[in-house]
Amino acid sequence: FLRFELKKLLCSFFGVMKFLFPLLYLVGAASIWARFVQTSPDALADIGLVVYTFPIVAIGSYLLDLEFPYVSGGYIESRALYYWPSVALVAYVLYSFFSVIQEVIAPGLRKPRSWKR
């Protein structure tokens, strides 16, 4: 009984985390972008974007041997075309990560009983 209750509690916890972490990541991304747009266009302004989307930068720069910001265009446009899809991808990976953990901890527990036959 205690084990079932612990699984239920962890399932609920990760159910909240799978929405909370990506949401907080998106809110942070908006604040980083707002600060980036207000700074002067130089290499130091890109540091916030690079640090916040480091997994994408690591893949693009080191594995694929590309040069930041990976797309052509004007200064703000090229960074926007890189940053927002990168942020969306990282948020999706966070959501997927917590969804998988939730399913591994308690397989089938998060589905309503009416779905089971």
Protein backbone atom coordinates (compact mmCIF):
# COMPACT_ATOMS: atom_id res chain seq x y z
CA PHE A 1 0.00 0.00 0.00
CA LEU A 2 2.76 2.45 0.92
CA ARG A 3 4.63 1.69 -2.30
CA PHE A 4 1.50 2.43 -4.35
CA GLU A 5 0.98 5.73 -2.53
CA LEU A 6 4.62 6.71 -3.11
CA LYS A 7 4.26 5.92 -6.80
CA LYS A 8 1.10 8.02 -6.94
CA LEU A 9 2.86 10.91 -5.22
CA LEU A 10 5.90 10.74 -7.53
CA CYS A 11 3.65 10.41 -10.56
CA SER A 12 1.79 13.57 -9.51
CA PHE A 13 5.07 15.37 -8.79
CA PHE A 14 6.53 14.59 -12.20
CA GLY A 15 3.16 15.37 -13.78
CA VAL A 16 3.51 18.91 -12.44
CA MET A 17 7.22 19.15 -13.28
CA LYS A 18 6.67 18.20 -16.92
CA PHE A 19 4.66 21.40 -17.34
CA LEU A 20 6.40 23.64 -14.80
CA PHE A 21 10.01 23.22 -15.99
CA PRO A 22 9.29 23.95 -19.69
CA LEU A 23 7.08 26.89 -18.68
CA LEU A 24 9.81 28.37 -16.48
CA TYR A 25 12.31 27.79 -19.28
CA LEU A 26 10.09 29.70 -21.73
CA VAL A 27 9.62 32.57 -19.27
CA GLY A 28 13.39 32.74 -18.78
CA ALA A 29 13.87 32.70 -22.54
CA ALA A 30 11.58 35.69 -22.93
CA SER A 31 13.53 37.66 -20.33
CA ILE A 32 16.87 36.74 -21.96
CA TRP A 33 15.49 37.84 -25.34
CA ALA A 34 14.19 41.14 -23.93
CA ARG A 35 17.61 41.89 -22.46
CA PHE A 36 19.34 40.86 -25.72
CA VAL A 37 17.20 43.17 -27.86
CA GLN A 38 18.01 46.14 -25.61
CA THR A 39 21.80 45.69 -25.77
CA SER A 40 24.13 46.96 -28.45
CA PRO A 41 24.85 44.54 -31.32
CA ASP A 42 28.19 42.98 -30.46
CA ALA A 43 29.53 39.57 -29.54
CA LEU A 44 28.91 40.13 -25.82
CA ALA A 45 25.18 40.43 -26.45
CA ASP A 46 25.15 36.91 -27.89
CA ILE A 47 26.51 35.37 -24.69
CA GLY A 48 23.10 35.21 -23.00
CA LEU A 49 21.56 33.48 -26.01
CA VAL A 50 24.44 31.02 -26.26
CA VAL A 51 24.46 30.13 -22.57
CA TYR A 52 20.69 29.72 -22.38
CA THR A 53 20.57 27.39 -25.37
CA PHE A 54 23.89 25.66 -24.71
CA PRO A 55 22.81 22.14 -25.79
CA ILE A 56 21.89 23.47 -29.24
CA VAL A 57 25.09 25.52 -29.47
CA ALA A 58 27.15 22.47 -28.52
CA ILE A 59 25.51 20.38 -31.24
CA GLY A 60 25.72 23.13 -33.88
CA SER A 61 29.23 24.37 -33.17
CA TYR A 62 31.11 21.29 -32.06
CA LEU A 63 29.38 18.34 -33.68
CA LEU A 64 28.23 19.95 -36.94
CA ASP A 65 31.11 22.46 -37.14
CA LEU A 66 28.82 25.42 -37.95
CA GLU A 67 29.25 29.06 -37.02
CA PHE A 68 26.87 30.85 -34.62
CA PRO A 69 24.04 31.95 -35.23
CA TYR A 70 23.74 29.18 -37.88
CA VAL A 71 21.35 31.15 -40.13
CA SER A 72 21.87 34.15 -42.37
CA GLY A 73 20.04 37.45 -42.19
CA GLY A 74 20.14 40.69 -40.25
CA TYR A 75 21.54 40.82 -36.75
CA ILE A 76 18.28 40.50 -34.80
CA GLU A 77 16.54 38.35 -37.44
CA SER A 78 19.28 35.72 -37.59
CA ARG A 79 19.42 35.46 -33.81
CA ALA A 80 15.61 35.19 -33.62
CA LEU A 81 15.58 32.46 -36.26
CA TYR A 82 18.14 30.56 -34.19
CA TYR A 83 16.96 31.34 -30.66
CA TRP A 84 13.23 30.71 -30.65
CA PRO A 85 13.27 27.32 -32.39
CA SER A 86 16.16 26.33 -30.10
CA VAL A 87 14.18 27.39 -27.04
CA ALA A 88 11.12 25.49 -28.28
CA LEU A 89 13.22 22.37 -28.85
CA VAL A 90 14.82 22.50 -25.39
CA ALA A 91 11.39 23.08 -23.78
CA TYR A 92 10.02 20.07 -25.68
CA VAL A 93 12.95 17.92 -24.55
CA LEU A 94 12.31 18.97 -20.93
CA TYR A 95 8.63 18.07 -21.27
CA SER A 96 9.48 14.72 -22.85
CA PHE A 97 12.09 13.96 -20.19
CA PHE A 98 9.64 14.45 -17.33
CA SER A 99 6.92 12.56 -19.20
CA VAL A 100 9.21 9.56 -19.63
CA ILE A 101 10.24 9.66 -15.96
CA GLN A 102 6.59 9.85 -14.95
CA GLU A 103 5.75 6.81 -17.08
CA VAL A 104 8.79 4.82 -15.86
CA ILE A 105 7.96 5.44 -12.20
CA ALA A 106 4.35 4.39 -12.48
CA PRO A 107 3.46 2.86 -15.84
CA GLY A 108 -0.21 3.19 -16.59
CA LEU A 109 -0.92 5.08 -13.36
CA ARG A 110 -1.47 8.47 -14.95
CA LYS A 111 -4.22 7.22 -17.27
CA PRO A 112 -7.79 7.46 -15.96
CA ARG A 113 -9.39 4.15 -15.03
CA SER A 114 -12.09 4.67 -17.65
CA TRP A 115 -9.45 4.18 -20.38
CA LYS A 116 -8.54 0.70 -19.15
CA ARG A 117 -10.55 -2.29 -20.33
